[in-house]
Amino acid sequence: MSSEGAFLRHRLPGDVTPVDLERLLWGVVVLALAADIVTTFVGLRIGLSESNPAARGAIEGHGLAGMLALKAFAVGVGLICRLLLEHKYRPIVPAGLAVPWLAATVLNVYAISSAL
């Protein structure tokens, strides 16, 4: 049995390349980040409290600018770590940022709807 000429290809469904996927996921990051910030501040306005201690400290100390700085720091860390990965694995970085922010948004919306 010969493995000459055999190779593994990483293909996504529908001819989506890892670059396309990463681009799409960075768009999701932007939307998730904005949604998390908006729903957080809506919740704070109606009397809810921030449960994340780092975000709570940033908001209490610096308001919206503190929250934006915290999010920018997270994105910056992701961008630096992205450089350490092979191209085909780079979509994991925006996915790792978007998923928790989307989850936070869902929880925020639930808390807001429960409080109203």
Protein backbone atom coordinates (compact mmCIF):
# COMPACT_ATOMS: atom_id res chain seq x y z
CA MET A 1 0.00 0.00 0.00
CA SER A 2 1.43 3.37 -0.95
CA SER A 3 0.60 6.78 0.43
CA GLU A 4 2.40 8.54 -2.38
CA GLY A 5 0.33 11.47 -3.57
CA ALA A 6 -2.12 11.15 -0.71
CA PHE A 7 -2.88 14.29 1.20
CA LEU A 8 -5.52 15.67 3.47
CA ARG A 9 -7.62 18.62 2.39
CA HIS A 10 -9.61 20.76 4.76
CA ARG A 11 -12.66 21.83 2.82
CA LEU A 12 -15.75 23.37 4.25
CA PRO A 13 -19.22 22.78 2.81
CA GLY A 14 -20.14 24.88 -0.21
CA ASP A 15 -16.54 25.73 -1.15
CA VAL A 16 -16.20 28.12 1.81
CA THR A 17 -12.52 28.68 2.43
CA PRO A 18 -11.08 29.21 5.92
CA VAL A 19 -10.41 32.82 4.87
CA ASP A 20 -14.08 33.30 3.92
CA LEU A 21 -15.18 31.71 7.17
CA GLU A 22 -12.84 33.89 9.20
CA ARG A 23 -14.12 37.02 7.45
CA LEU A 24 -17.71 36.03 8.19
CA LEU A 25 -16.90 35.31 11.83
CA TRP A 26 -15.19 38.70 12.31
CA GLY A 27 -18.45 40.24 11.13
CA VAL A 28 -20.28 38.17 13.75
CA VAL A 29 -17.77 39.42 16.35
CA VAL A 30 -18.62 43.04 15.52
CA LEU A 31 -22.36 42.35 15.77
CA ALA A 32 -22.03 40.31 18.96
CA LEU A 33 -19.80 42.94 20.58
CA ALA A 34 -22.25 45.72 19.73
CA ALA A 35 -25.24 43.68 20.89
CA ASP A 36 -23.55 42.81 24.18
CA ILE A 37 -22.66 46.45 24.86
CA VAL A 38 -26.12 47.75 23.96
CA THR A 39 -28.00 45.15 25.96
CA THR A 40 -25.64 45.59 28.92
CA PHE A 41 -26.28 49.31 29.09
CA VAL A 42 -30.02 48.89 28.55
CA GLY A 43 -30.04 46.45 31.45
CA LEU A 44 -28.05 48.84 33.64
CA ARG A 45 -30.48 51.67 32.81
CA ILE A 46 -33.45 49.65 34.01
CA GLY A 47 -31.73 48.68 37.25
CA LEU A 48 -30.01 45.40 36.50
CA SER A 49 -26.38 44.87 37.50
CA GLU A 50 -23.35 43.63 35.59
CA SER A 51 -22.38 40.14 36.73
CA ASN A 52 -18.90 40.04 35.15
CA PRO A 53 -16.53 41.57 37.75
CA ALA A 54 -14.06 42.83 35.13
CA ALA A 55 -16.80 44.50 33.09
CA ARG A 56 -18.45 45.84 36.24
CA GLY A 57 -15.18 47.47 37.33
CA ALA A 58 -14.58 48.94 33.87
CA ILE A 59 -18.12 50.33 33.69
CA GLU A 60 -18.12 51.68 37.24
CA GLY A 61 -14.73 53.31 36.74
CA HIS A 62 -15.03 54.61 33.19
CA GLY A 63 -18.55 54.02 31.86
CA LEU A 64 -18.94 53.21 28.19
CA ALA A 65 -15.27 54.06 27.50
CA GLY A 66 -14.24 51.42 30.05
CA MET A 67 -16.44 48.81 28.42
CA LEU A 68 -15.12 49.68 24.97
CA ALA A 69 -11.53 49.48 26.24
CA LEU A 70 -12.21 46.06 27.77
CA LYS A 71 -13.70 44.78 24.51
CA ALA A 72 -10.83 46.31 22.49
CA PHE A 73 -8.34 44.55 24.77
CA ALA A 74 -10.09 41.20 24.17
CA VAL A 75 -10.09 41.73 20.40
CA GLY A 76 -6.41 42.76 20.55
CA VAL A 77 -5.47 39.60 22.41
CA GLY A 78 -7.39 37.60 19.83
CA LEU A 79 -5.62 39.32 16.95
CA ILE A 80 -2.21 38.65 18.50
CA CYS A 81 -3.04 34.99 19.17
CA ARG A 82 -4.41 34.67 15.63
CA LEU A 83 -0.90 35.27 14.29
CA LEU A 84 0.33 32.18 16.12
CA LEU A 85 -2.06 29.88 14.26
CA GLU A 86 -1.89 28.27 10.86
CA HIS A 87 -4.21 29.95 8.38
CA LYS A 88 -6.70 27.09 8.36
CA TYR A 89 -7.19 27.36 12.15
CA ARG A 90 -7.52 31.14 12.37
CA PRO A 91 -11.35 31.18 12.26
CA ILE A 92 -11.30 29.77 15.81
CA VAL A 93 -10.23 33.20 17.12
CA PRO A 94 -13.28 35.19 16.04
CA ALA A 95 -15.50 32.24 16.95
CA GLY A 96 -13.97 32.25 20.44
CA LEU A 97 -14.79 35.94 20.78
CA ALA A 98 -18.25 35.86 19.22
CA VAL A 99 -19.73 32.88 21.06
CA PRO A 100 -19.43 34.26 24.62
CA TRP A 101 -20.60 37.71 23.54
CA LEU A 102 -23.60 36.19 21.76
CA ALA A 103 -24.35 34.13 24.88
CA ALA A 104 -24.07 37.26 27.04
CA THR A 105 -26.45 39.06 24.70
CA VAL A 106 -29.01 36.27 24.96
CA LEU A 107 -28.74 36.32 28.76
CA ASN A 108 -29.01 40.12 28.78
CA VAL A 109 -32.13 40.06 26.62
CA TYR A 110 -33.66 37.42 28.89
CA ALA A 111 -32.84 39.46 32.02
CA ILE A 112 -34.20 42.64 30.46
CA SER A 113 -37.43 40.95 29.34
CA SER A 114 -37.86 39.41 32.80
CA ALA A 115 -37.35 42.78 34.49
CA LEU A 116 -39.94 44.60 32.38
